[in-house]
Amino acid sequence: MTHQDRNLLTGDSPLASNALGLLAADVLVNAVKND
């Protein structure tokens, strides 16, 4: 499971690394679009 709190992205376990990477990519794309 992954979590986002403002600019902090975390994952519950090493198994969450793929989902965390996907979440981070989405957050980065949205940050660039809104900048």
C-alpha atoms as a PDB file:
ATOM      1  CA  MET A   1       0.000   0.000   0.000  1.00  0.00           C
ATOM      2  CA  THR A   2       1.247   3.497  -0.806  1.00  0.00           C
ATOM      3  CA  HIS A   3       0.394   6.797   0.837  1.00  0.00           C
ATOM      4  CA  GLN A   4       0.632  10.440  -0.198  1.00  0.00           C
ATOM      5  CA  ASP A   5       0.604  13.284   2.312  1.00  0.00           C
ATOM      6  CA  ARG A   6       1.228  16.568   0.503  1.00  0.00           C
ATOM      7  CA  ASN A   7       4.768  16.069  -0.894  1.00  0.00           C
ATOM      8  CA  LEU A   8       5.613  12.918   1.082  1.00  0.00           C
ATOM      9  CA  LEU A   9       5.201   9.584  -0.702  1.00  0.00           C
ATOM     10  CA  THR A  10       5.655   6.369   1.279  1.00  0.00           C
ATOM     11  CA  GLY A  11       5.148   2.648   0.836  1.00  0.00           C
ATOM     12  CA  ASP A  12       4.293   0.038   3.460  1.00  0.00           C
ATOM     13  CA  SER A  13       6.754  -2.614   2.335  1.00  0.00           C
ATOM     14  CA  PRO A  14       9.341  -3.489  -0.308  1.00  0.00           C
ATOM     15  CA  LEU A  15       6.481  -5.080  -2.253  1.00  0.00           C
ATOM     16  CA  ALA A  16       4.934  -1.609  -2.608  1.00  0.00           C
ATOM     17  CA  SER A  17       7.922  -0.306  -4.587  1.00  0.00           C
ATOM     18  CA  ASN A  18       6.256  -0.686  -7.997  1.00  0.00           C
ATOM     19  CA  ALA A  19       3.095   1.105  -6.880  1.00  0.00           C
ATOM     20  CA  LEU A  20       5.224   3.767  -5.211  1.00  0.00           C
ATOM     21  CA  GLY A  21       7.120   4.339  -8.449  1.00  0.00           C
ATOM     22  CA  LEU A  22       3.870   4.692 -10.389  1.00  0.00           C
ATOM     23  CA  LEU A  23       2.509   7.123  -7.799  1.00  0.00           C
ATOM     24  CA  ALA A  24       5.722   9.158  -7.870  1.00  0.00           C
ATOM     25  CA  ALA A  25       5.605   9.370 -11.677  1.00  0.00           C
ATOM     26  CA  ASP A  26       2.010  10.627 -11.587  1.00  0.00           C
ATOM     27  CA  VAL A  27       2.847  13.208  -8.919  1.00  0.00           C
ATOM     28  CA  LEU A  28       5.860  14.465 -10.891  1.00  0.00           C
ATOM     29  CA  VAL A  29       3.856  14.769 -14.116  1.00  0.00           C
ATOM     30  CA  ASN A  30       1.108  16.694 -12.316  1.00  0.00           C
ATOM     31  CA  ALA A  31       3.676  18.983 -10.676  1.00  0.00           C
ATOM     32  CA  VAL A  32       5.226  19.818 -14.043  1.00  0.00           C
ATOM     33  CA  LYS A  33       1.811  20.425 -15.643  1.00  0.00           C
ATOM     34  CA  ASN A  34       0.746  22.772 -12.831  1.00  0.00           C
ATOM     35  CA  ASP A  35       4.006  24.713 -12.740  1.00  0.00           C
END
